[in-house]
All heavy atoms as atom14 arrays in JSON, in Angstrom:
{
  "sequence": "ILFNLPAEKLDEAARIIGGMKSPTVTPLMDKSWLSV",
  "atom14_mask": [
    [1, 1, 1, 1, 1, 1, 1, 1, 0, 0, 0, 0, 0, 0],
    [1, 1, 1, 1, 1, 1, 1, 1, 0, 0, 0, 0, 0, 0],
    [1, 1, 1, 1, 1, 1, 1, 1, 1, 1, 1, 0, 0, 0],
    [1, 1, 1, 1, 1, 1, 1, 1, 0, 0, 0, 0, 0, 0],
    [1, 1, 1, 1, 1, 1, 1, 1, 0, 0, 0, 0, 0, 0],
    [1, 1, 1, 1, 1, 1, 1, 0, 0, 0, 0, 0, 0, 0],
    [1, 1, 1, 1, 1, 0, 0, 0, 0, 0, 0, 0, 0, 0],
    [1, 1, 1, 1, 1, 1, 1, 1, 1, 0, 0, 0, 0, 0],
    [1, 1, 1, 1, 1, 1, 1, 1, 1, 0, 0, 0, 0, 0],
    [1, 1, 1, 1, 1, 1, 1, 1, 0, 0, 0, 0, 0, 0],
    [1, 1, 1, 1, 1, 1, 1, 1, 0, 0, 0, 0, 0, 0],
    [1, 1, 1, 1, 1, 1, 1, 1, 1, 0, 0, 0, 0, 0],
    [1, 1, 1, 1, 1, 0, 0, 0, 0, 0, 0, 0, 0, 0],
    [1, 1, 1, 1, 1, 0, 0, 0, 0, 0, 0, 0, 0, 0],
    [1, 1, 1, 1, 1, 1, 1, 1, 1, 1, 1, 0, 0, 0],
    [1, 1, 1, 1, 1, 1, 1, 1, 0, 0, 0, 0, 0, 0],
    [1, 1, 1, 1, 1, 1, 1, 1, 0, 0, 0, 0, 0, 0],
    [1, 1, 1, 1, 0, 0, 0, 0, 0, 0, 0, 0, 0, 0],
    [1, 1, 1, 1, 0, 0, 0, 0, 0, 0, 0, 0, 0, 0],
    [1, 1, 1, 1, 1, 1, 1, 1, 0, 0, 0, 0, 0, 0],
    [1, 1, 1, 1, 1, 1, 1, 1, 1, 0, 0, 0, 0, 0],
    [1, 1, 1, 1, 1, 1, 0, 0, 0, 0, 0, 0, 0, 0],
    [1, 1, 1, 1, 1, 1, 1, 0, 0, 0, 0, 0, 0, 0],
    [1, 1, 1, 1, 1, 1, 1, 0, 0, 0, 0, 0, 0, 0],
    [1, 1, 1, 1, 1, 1, 1, 0, 0, 0, 0, 0, 0, 0],
    [1, 1, 1, 1, 1, 1, 1, 0, 0, 0, 0, 0, 0, 0],
    [1, 1, 1, 1, 1, 1, 1, 0, 0, 0, 0, 0, 0, 0],
    [1, 1, 1, 1, 1, 1, 1, 1, 0, 0, 0, 0, 0, 0],
    [1, 1, 1, 1, 1, 1, 1, 1, 0, 0, 0, 0, 0, 0],
    [1, 1, 1, 1, 1, 1, 1, 1, 0, 0, 0, 0, 0, 0],
    [1, 1, 1, 1, 1, 1, 1, 1, 1, 0, 0, 0, 0, 0],
    [1, 1, 1, 1, 1, 1, 0, 0, 0, 0, 0, 0, 0, 0],
    [1, 1, 1, 1, 1, 1, 1, 1, 1, 1, 1, 1, 1, 1],
    [1, 1, 1, 1, 1, 1, 1, 1, 0, 0, 0, 0, 0, 0],
    [1, 1, 1, 1, 1, 1, 0, 0, 0, 0, 0, 0, 0, 0],
    [1, 1, 1, 1, 1, 1, 1, 0, 0, 0, 0, 0, 0, 0]
  ],
  "atom14_positions": [
    [[-56.66, -50.15, -45.34], [-57.01, -48.73, -45.34], [-55.76, -47.86, -45.26], [-54.77, -48.24, -44.61], [-57.99, -48.36, -44.2], [-57.37, -48.66, -42.82], [-59.31, -49.09, -44.37], [-58.2, -48.13, -41.68], [0.0, 0.0, 0.0], [0.0, 0.0, 0.0], [0.0, 0.0, 0.0], [0.0, 0.0, 0.0], [0.0, 0.0, 0.0], [0.0, 0.0, 0.0]],
    [[-55.8, -46.74, -45.95], [-54.72, -45.77, -45.95], [-55.36, -44.39, -45.83], [-56.33, -44.1, -46.53], [-53.9, -45.89, -47.23], [-52.65, -45.03, -47.38], [-51.64, -45.71, -48.3], [-52.98, -43.65, -47.95], [0.0, 0.0, 0.0], [0.0, 0.0, 0.0], [0.0, 0.0, 0.0], [0.0, 0.0, 0.0], [0.0, 0.0, 0.0], [0.0, 0.0, 0.0]],
    [[-54.83, -43.56, -44.92], [-55.44, -42.24, -44.73], [-54.41, -41.26, -44.19], [-53.36, -41.65, -43.65], [-56.63, -42.34, -43.77], [-56.3, -42.97, -42.44], [-55.93, -42.2, -41.35], [-56.37, -44.35, -42.28], [-55.62, -42.77, -40.12], [-56.06, -44.93, -41.06], [-55.68, -44.15, -39.97], [0.0, 0.0, 0.0], [0.0, 0.0, 0.0], [0.0, 0.0, 0.0]],
    [[-54.7, -39.98, -44.34], [-53.89, -38.91, -43.77], [-54.49, -38.48, -42.44], [-55.72, -38.44, -42.29], [-53.81, -37.73, -44.72], [-53.07, -38.1, -46.01], [-52.23, -39.0, -46.01], [-53.38, -37.39, -47.08], [0.0, 0.0, 0.0], [0.0, 0.0, 0.0], [0.0, 0.0, 0.0], [0.0, 0.0, 0.0], [0.0, 0.0, 0.0], [0.0, 0.0, 0.0]],
    [[-53.61, -38.14, -41.49], [-54.07, -37.89, -40.13], [-53.22, -36.82, -39.46], [-51.99, -36.83, -39.6], [-53.97, -39.19, -39.32], [-54.47, -39.15, -37.87], [-55.99, -39.19, -37.84], [-53.9, -40.35, -37.1], [0.0, 0.0, 0.0], [0.0, 0.0, 0.0], [0.0, 0.0, 0.0], [0.0, 0.0, 0.0], [0.0, 0.0, 0.0], [0.0, 0.0, 0.0]],
    [[-53.83, -35.9, -38.71], [-53.02, -34.98, -37.91], [-52.13, -35.77, -36.96], [-52.58, -36.72, -36.31], [-54.09, -34.17, -37.14], [-55.31, -34.25, -38.0], [-55.27, -35.62, -38.62], [0.0, 0.0, 0.0], [0.0, 0.0, 0.0], [0.0, 0.0, 0.0], [0.0, 0.0, 0.0], [0.0, 0.0, 0.0], [0.0, 0.0, 0.0], [0.0, 0.0, 0.0]],
    [[-50.86, -35.4, -36.87], [-49.89, -36.18, -36.11], [-50.29, -36.38, -34.66], [-50.07, -37.45, -34.08], [-48.51, -35.51, -36.2], [0.0, 0.0, 0.0], [0.0, 0.0, 0.0], [0.0, 0.0, 0.0], [0.0, 0.0, 0.0], [0.0, 0.0, 0.0], [0.0, 0.0, 0.0], [0.0, 0.0, 0.0], [0.0, 0.0, 0.0], [0.0, 0.0, 0.0]],
    [[-50.93, -35.37, -34.05], [-51.27, -35.49, -32.64], [-52.41, -36.47, -32.38], [-52.71, -36.82, -31.24], [-51.64, -34.11, -32.05], [-52.96, -33.54, -32.52], [-52.83, -32.72, -33.8], [-51.75, -32.8, -34.45], [-53.78, -31.99, -34.14], [0.0, 0.0, 0.0], [0.0, 0.0, 0.0], [0.0, 0.0, 0.0], [0.0, 0.0, 0.0], [0.0, 0.0, 0.0]],
    [[-53.04, -36.96, -33.45], [-54.17, -37.9, -33.31], [-53.74, -39.36, -33.5], [-54.59, -40.25, -33.54], [-55.26, -37.56, -34.33], [-55.86, -36.16, -34.16], [-56.68, -36.06, -32.88], [-57.4, -34.73, -32.78], [-58.22, -34.62, -31.57], [0.0, 0.0, 0.0], [0.0, 0.0, 0.0], [0.0, 0.0, 0.0], [0.0, 0.0, 0.0], [0.0, 0.0, 0.0]],
    [[-52.44, -39.6, -33.62], [-51.98, -40.96, -33.95], [-52.37, -41.98, -32.89], [-52.83, -43.08, -33.21], [-50.46, -40.96, -34.15], [-49.85, -42.32, -34.52], [-50.47, -42.85, -35.81], [-48.34, -42.18, -34.69], [0.0, 0.0, 0.0], [0.0, 0.0, 0.0], [0.0, 0.0, 0.0], [0.0, 0.0, 0.0], [0.0, 0.0, 0.0], [0.0, 0.0, 0.0]],
    [[-52.19, -41.66, -31.62], [-52.53, -42.61, -30.56], [-54.02, -42.94, -30.59], [-54.41, -44.11, -30.41], [-52.15, -42.06, -29.19], [-50.63, -42.06, -28.97], [-49.94, -42.77, -29.72], [-50.17, -41.35, -28.06], [0.0, 0.0, 0.0], [0.0, 0.0, 0.0], [0.0, 0.0, 0.0], [0.0, 0.0, 0.0], [0.0, 0.0, 0.0], [0.0, 0.0, 0.0]],
    [[-54.86, -41.96, -30.82], [-56.3, -42.2, -30.92], [-56.62, -43.11, -32.09], [-57.44, -44.03, -31.99], [-57.06, -40.88, -31.07], [-57.1, -40.03, -29.82], [-57.95, -38.79, -30.03], [-59.16, -38.93, -30.28], [-57.38, -37.67, -29.96], [0.0, 0.0, 0.0], [0.0, 0.0, 0.0], [0.0, 0.0, 0.0], [0.0, 0.0, 0.0], [0.0, 0.0, 0.0]],
    [[-55.98, -42.85, -33.23], [-56.22, -43.67, -34.43], [-55.81, -45.12, -34.19], [-56.5, -46.06, -34.6], [-55.45, -43.09, -35.61], [0.0, 0.0, 0.0], [0.0, 0.0, 0.0], [0.0, 0.0, 0.0], [0.0, 0.0, 0.0], [0.0, 0.0, 0.0], [0.0, 0.0, 0.0], [0.0, 0.0, 0.0], [0.0, 0.0, 0.0], [0.0, 0.0, 0.0]],
    [[-54.69, -45.32, -33.5], [-54.21, -46.67, -33.22], [-55.22, -47.43, -32.36], [-55.47, -48.62, -32.58], [-52.85, -46.62, -32.54], [0.0, 0.0, 0.0], [0.0, 0.0, 0.0], [0.0, 0.0, 0.0], [0.0, 0.0, 0.0], [0.0, 0.0, 0.0], [0.0, 0.0, 0.0], [0.0, 0.0, 0.0], [0.0, 0.0, 0.0], [0.0, 0.0, 0.0]],
    [[-55.81, -46.74, -31.38], [-56.82, -47.38, -30.53], [-58.07, -47.73, -31.34], [-58.69, -48.76, -31.14], [-57.18, -46.47, -29.35], [-56.1, -46.43, -28.27], [-56.65, -45.79, -26.99], [-56.97, -44.38, -27.18], [-56.11, -43.38, -27.02], [-54.87, -43.65, -26.65], [-56.49, -42.13, -27.2], [0.0, 0.0, 0.0], [0.0, 0.0, 0.0], [0.0, 0.0, 0.0]],
    [[-58.46, -46.84, -32.24], [-59.64, -47.09, -33.08], [-59.42, -48.29, -33.99], [-60.29, -49.16, -34.11], [-59.97, -45.84, -33.92], [-60.45, -44.71, -33.02], [-61.0, -46.17, -35.01], [-60.54, -43.36, -33.72], [0.0, 0.0, 0.0], [0.0, 0.0, 0.0], [0.0, 0.0, 0.0], [0.0, 0.0, 0.0], [0.0, 0.0, 0.0], [0.0, 0.0, 0.0]],
    [[-58.26, -48.34, -34.63], [-57.99, -49.41, -35.59], [-57.86, -50.76, -34.88], [-58.48, -51.75, -35.25], [-56.71, -49.1, -36.39], [-56.93, -47.86, -37.25], [-56.33, -50.29, -37.27], [-55.66, -47.31, -37.85], [0.0, 0.0, 0.0], [0.0, 0.0, 0.0], [0.0, 0.0, 0.0], [0.0, 0.0, 0.0], [0.0, 0.0, 0.0], [0.0, 0.0, 0.0]],
    [[-57.03, -50.82, -33.82], [-56.84, -52.07, -33.08], [-56.37, -53.18, -33.99], [-55.8, -52.96, -35.06], [0.0, 0.0, 0.0], [0.0, 0.0, 0.0], [0.0, 0.0, 0.0], [0.0, 0.0, 0.0], [0.0, 0.0, 0.0], [0.0, 0.0, 0.0], [0.0, 0.0, 0.0], [0.0, 0.0, 0.0], [0.0, 0.0, 0.0], [0.0, 0.0, 0.0]],
    [[-56.63, -54.43, -33.6], [-56.37, -55.6, -34.45], [-54.91, -55.93, -34.62], [-54.28, -56.51, -33.74], [0.0, 0.0, 0.0], [0.0, 0.0, 0.0], [0.0, 0.0, 0.0], [0.0, 0.0, 0.0], [0.0, 0.0, 0.0], [0.0, 0.0, 0.0], [0.0, 0.0, 0.0], [0.0, 0.0, 0.0], [0.0, 0.0, 0.0], [0.0, 0.0, 0.0]],
    [[-54.31, -55.52, -35.75], [-52.95, -55.89, -36.07], [-51.96, -55.19, -35.13], [-52.3, -54.24, -34.43], [-52.65, -55.56, -37.53], [-53.55, -56.32, -38.51], [-52.99, -56.23, -40.21], [-51.6, -57.35, -40.17], [0.0, 0.0, 0.0], [0.0, 0.0, 0.0], [0.0, 0.0, 0.0], [0.0, 0.0, 0.0], [0.0, 0.0, 0.0], [0.0, 0.0, 0.0]],
    [[-50.72, -55.68, -35.1], [-49.74, -55.25, -34.11], [-49.58, -53.74, -34.06], [-49.6, -53.12, -33.01], [-48.39, -55.92, -34.39], [-48.41, -57.42, -34.15], [-47.05, -58.04, -34.44], [-47.07, -59.54, -34.2], [-45.77, -60.15, -34.52], [0.0, 0.0, 0.0], [0.0, 0.0, 0.0], [0.0, 0.0, 0.0], [0.0, 0.0, 0.0], [0.0, 0.0, 0.0]],
    [[-49.41, -53.11, -35.22], [-49.19, -51.67, -35.25], [-49.42, -51.16, -36.66], [-49.03, -51.81, -37.63], [-47.76, -51.35, -34.8], [-47.51, -49.97, -34.89], [0.0, 0.0, 0.0], [0.0, 0.0, 0.0], [0.0, 0.0, 0.0], [0.0, 0.0, 0.0], [0.0, 0.0, 0.0], [0.0, 0.0, 0.0], [0.0, 0.0, 0.0], [0.0, 0.0, 0.0]],
    [[-50.07, -49.99, -36.8], [-50.23, -49.43, -38.14], [-48.88, -48.95, -38.69], [-47.95, -48.68, -37.94], [-51.19, -48.26, -37.91], [-51.0, -47.88, -36.48], [-50.69, -49.17, -35.76], [0.0, 0.0, 0.0], [0.0, 0.0, 0.0], [0.0, 0.0, 0.0], [0.0, 0.0, 0.0], [0.0, 0.0, 0.0], [0.0, 0.0, 0.0], [0.0, 0.0, 0.0]],
    [[-48.79, -48.87, -40.0], [-47.6, -48.31, -40.65], [-47.77, -46.81, -40.76], [-48.81, -46.33, -41.25], [-47.41, -48.93, -42.05], [-47.25, -50.34, -41.92], [-46.19, -48.34, -42.73], [0.0, 0.0, 0.0], [0.0, 0.0, 0.0], [0.0, 0.0, 0.0], [0.0, 0.0, 0.0], [0.0, 0.0, 0.0], [0.0, 0.0, 0.0], [0.0, 0.0, 0.0]],
    [[-46.78, -46.05, -40.3], [-46.89, -44.59, -40.26], [-45.76, -43.98, -41.09], [-44.59, -44.33, -40.92], [-46.82, -44.08, -38.81], [-46.91, -42.56, -38.78], [-47.92, -44.71, -37.96], [0.0, 0.0, 0.0], [0.0, 0.0, 0.0], [0.0, 0.0, 0.0], [0.0, 0.0, 0.0], [0.0, 0.0, 0.0], [0.0, 0.0, 0.0], [0.0, 0.0, 0.0]],
    [[-46.11, -43.05, -41.99], [-45.14, -42.37, -42.84], [-45.31, -40.86, -42.7], [-46.42, -40.35, -42.87], [-45.34, -42.77, -44.32], [-45.3, -44.19, -44.44], [-44.26, -42.15, -45.19], [0.0, 0.0, 0.0], [0.0, 0.0, 0.0], [0.0, 0.0, 0.0], [0.0, 0.0, 0.0], [0.0, 0.0, 0.0], [0.0, 0.0, 0.0], [0.0, 0.0, 0.0]],
    [[-44.22, -40.13, -42.39], [-44.32, -38.66, -42.31], [-44.64, -38.06, -43.67], [-44.2, -38.57, -44.71], [-42.93, -38.24, -41.83], [-42.3, -39.47, -41.27], [-42.88, -40.62, -42.04], [0.0, 0.0, 0.0], [0.0, 0.0, 0.0], [0.0, 0.0, 0.0], [0.0, 0.0, 0.0], [0.0, 0.0, 0.0], [0.0, 0.0, 0.0], [0.0, 0.0, 0.0]],
    [[-45.4, -36.97, -43.68], [-45.69, -36.24, -44.9], [-44.81, -34.98, -44.97], [-44.13, -34.63, -44.0], [-47.17, -35.86, -44.94], [-48.16, -37.03, -44.98], [-49.59, -36.49, -45.01], [-47.91, -37.94, -46.16], [0.0, 0.0, 0.0], [0.0, 0.0, 0.0], [0.0, 0.0, 0.0], [0.0, 0.0, 0.0], [0.0, 0.0, 0.0], [0.0, 0.0, 0.0]],
    [[-44.82, -34.32, -46.11], [-44.03, -33.1, -46.25], [-44.44, -32.07, -45.19], [-43.6, -31.38, -44.61], [-44.18, -32.53, -47.66], [-43.33, -31.3, -47.92], [-43.41, -30.77, -49.65], [-42.57, -32.16, -50.46], [0.0, 0.0, 0.0], [0.0, 0.0, 0.0], [0.0, 0.0, 0.0], [0.0, 0.0, 0.0], [0.0, 0.0, 0.0], [0.0, 0.0, 0.0]],
    [[-45.75, -31.99, -44.95], [-46.24, -31.15, -43.85], [-46.05, -31.96, -42.57], [-46.76, -32.95, -42.33], [-47.73, -30.84, -44.08], [-48.31, -29.93, -42.99], [-47.69, -29.82, -41.92], [-49.4, -29.37, -43.22], [0.0, 0.0, 0.0], [0.0, 0.0, 0.0], [0.0, 0.0, 0.0], [0.0, 0.0, 0.0], [0.0, 0.0, 0.0], [0.0, 0.0, 0.0]],
    [[-45.11, -31.59, -41.74], [-44.71, -32.38, -40.58], [-45.84, -32.55, -39.56], [-45.73, -33.39, -38.67], [-43.49, -31.74, -39.9], [-42.27, -31.64, -40.8], [-41.85, -33.01, -41.33], [-40.58, -32.9, -42.18], [-40.18, -34.19, -42.76], [0.0, 0.0, 0.0], [0.0, 0.0, 0.0], [0.0, 0.0, 0.0], [0.0, 0.0, 0.0], [0.0, 0.0, 0.0]],
    [[-46.88, -31.75, -39.67], [-47.98, -31.88, -38.72], [-48.97, -32.97, -39.13], [-49.93, -33.23, -38.41], [-48.72, -30.54, -38.58], [-49.34, -30.18, -39.81], [0.0, 0.0, 0.0], [0.0, 0.0, 0.0], [0.0, 0.0, 0.0], [0.0, 0.0, 0.0], [0.0, 0.0, 0.0], [0.0, 0.0, 0.0], [0.0, 0.0, 0.0], [0.0, 0.0, 0.0]],
    [[-48.69, -33.61, -40.29], [-49.59, -34.67, -40.79], [-48.8, -35.95, -41.02], [-47.6, -35.93, -41.3], [-50.27, -34.23, -42.09], [-51.38, -33.27, -41.87], [-51.29, -31.94, -41.61], [-52.78, -33.58, -41.88], [-52.53, -31.38, -41.45], [-53.47, -32.37, -41.61], [-53.52, -34.75, -42.08], [-54.86, -32.31, -41.54], [-54.9, -34.68, -42.01], [-55.56, -33.47, -41.75]],
    [[-49.52, -37.08, -40.92], [-48.94, -38.41, -41.16], [-49.81, -39.17, -42.15], [-51.01, -38.93, -42.26], [-48.87, -39.21, -39.85], [-48.08, -38.62, -38.68], [-48.35, -39.43, -37.42], [-46.59, -38.59, -39.01], [0.0, 0.0, 0.0], [0.0, 0.0, 0.0], [0.0, 0.0, 0.0], [0.0, 0.0, 0.0], [0.0, 0.0, 0.0], [0.0, 0.0, 0.0]],
    [[-49.17, -40.12, -42.84], [-49.91, -41.08, -43.65], [-49.93, -42.4, -42.88], [-48.87, -42.88, -42.46], [-49.25, -41.29, -45.02], [-49.9, -42.32, -45.74], [0.0, 0.0, 0.0], [0.0, 0.0, 0.0], [0.0, 0.0, 0.0], [0.0, 0.0, 0.0], [0.0, 0.0, 0.0], [0.0, 0.0, 0.0], [0.0, 0.0, 0.0], [0.0, 0.0, 0.0]],
    [[-51.11, -42.96, -42.67], [-51.26, -44.17, -41.86], [-51.85, -45.29, -42.7], [-52.8, -45.07, -43.46], [-52.15, -43.91, -40.63], [-52.26, -45.16, -39.75], [-51.61, -42.74, -39.82], [0.0, 0.0, 0.0], [0.0, 0.0, 0.0], [0.0, 0.0, 0.0], [0.0, 0.0, 0.0], [0.0, 0.0, 0.0], [0.0, 0.0, 0.0], [0.0, 0.0, 0.0]]
  ]
}
């Protein structure tokens, strides 16, 4: 899965996903958003 996410929600998203060691996170041009 690949999705865009508000940066402040990253910790919540990581808890939801679980499983693998850590999601891959890439900053977007809009610094308030991330690609996960």
